[in-house]
Structure formats: structure tokens, C-alpha cells
Amino acid sequence: MDKKINVLIKKDKTLYIETEDFKGEACVSAVKELFKAFLEIDNLELTSDYYDGEVGIDSGVEVKL
């Protein structure tokens, strides 16, 4: 399976990120690595999939421009 990071940016600058086919902490690491150059992640809400060791996160993150 291909690993994916899906990103939705709302008009209020809220960023929602969901990963597919990552296991455990790998999803958080991948998201932080992808956005580290231009985004400060200050709030992660981990899904139950994170704790099952499967698919990643659904994050409400405020984009600071």
C-alpha cells in the first residue's frame, strides 16, 4: 500500500491532516517532517488508529502565516 498524507485547509486557516497506511508514531513524524519548514504544529488530536498502530492523525492545526 502507498502511504498518503491528505491535507484540507479551511478558509479560517485551520489545517486538517489525515494520514493513510502509517503505523503508530510514523504518521506524526511524517507530518512534522513534511511541514517543518513553514508550519508550527501546536495541537494534534490523535485518532484511535494511532493507538492501534495503524493509520494516522486527524489534526486541527492553525496555520500561522
Protein backbone atom coordinates (compact mmCIF):
# COMPACT_ATOMS: atom_id res chain seq x y z
CA MET A 1 0.00 0.00 0.00
CA ASP A 2 1.06 3.57 -0.66
CA LYS A 3 1.36 5.90 2.30
CA LYS A 4 -0.63 9.11 1.93
CA ILE A 5 -0.97 12.42 3.75
CA ASN A 6 -4.25 14.17 2.98
CA VAL A 7 -4.48 17.89 3.75
CA LEU A 8 -7.54 20.15 3.94
CA ILE A 9 -7.06 23.88 4.53
CA LYS A 10 -10.21 25.76 5.51
CA LYS A 11 -10.89 29.46 4.96
CA ASP A 12 -10.32 30.16 8.66
CA LYS A 13 -6.75 28.82 8.20
CA THR A 14 -7.48 25.61 10.07
CA LEU A 15 -5.50 22.73 8.64
CA TYR A 16 -6.81 19.18 8.82
CA ILE A 17 -4.33 16.40 8.15
CA GLU A 18 -5.12 12.72 7.85
CA THR A 19 -2.61 10.01 7.08
CA GLU A 20 -3.21 6.64 5.47
CA ASP A 21 -1.19 3.44 5.89
CA PHE A 22 1.22 4.75 8.53
CA LYS A 23 1.73 2.86 11.78
CA GLY A 24 1.91 4.46 15.24
CA GLU A 25 4.34 7.36 15.67
CA ALA A 26 5.42 7.19 11.99
CA CYS A 27 2.37 9.24 10.96
CA VAL A 28 3.20 12.07 13.35
CA SER A 29 6.86 12.05 12.31
CA ALA A 30 5.94 12.16 8.61
CA VAL A 31 3.57 15.10 9.06
CA LYS A 32 6.09 17.06 11.15
CA GLU A 33 8.85 16.37 8.61
CA LEU A 34 6.66 17.44 5.69
CA PHE A 35 5.60 20.75 7.25
CA LYS A 36 8.59 21.64 9.46
CA ALA A 37 9.98 24.32 7.12
CA PHE A 38 6.88 26.51 7.18
CA LEU A 39 4.40 25.35 9.82
CA GLU A 40 4.42 25.21 13.61
CA ILE A 41 2.23 22.35 14.78
CA ASP A 42 0.77 23.20 18.16
CA ASN A 43 -2.24 20.92 18.50
CA LEU A 44 -2.55 17.28 17.48
CA GLU A 45 -5.63 15.19 18.01
CA LEU A 46 -4.68 11.56 17.52
CA THR A 47 -7.28 9.13 16.20
CA SER A 48 -7.84 5.67 17.63
CA ASP A 49 -5.97 4.32 14.60
CA TYR A 50 -2.79 5.86 16.03
CA TYR A 51 -3.14 3.75 19.16
CA ASP A 52 -3.99 0.64 17.16
CA GLY A 53 -0.66 1.04 15.39
CA GLU A 54 -2.33 1.63 12.06
CA VAL A 55 -3.38 4.77 10.19
CA GLY A 56 -2.51 8.24 11.40
CA ILE A 57 -3.88 11.50 12.61
CA ASP A 58 -6.70 13.89 12.13
CA SER A 59 -5.32 17.23 13.22
CA GLY A 60 -6.84 20.62 13.83
CA VAL A 61 -3.82 22.87 13.32
CA GLU A 62 -3.85 26.63 12.98
CA VAL A 63 -1.70 27.90 10.13
CA LYS A 64 0.48 30.81 11.25
CA LEU A 65 1.28 32.95 8.21
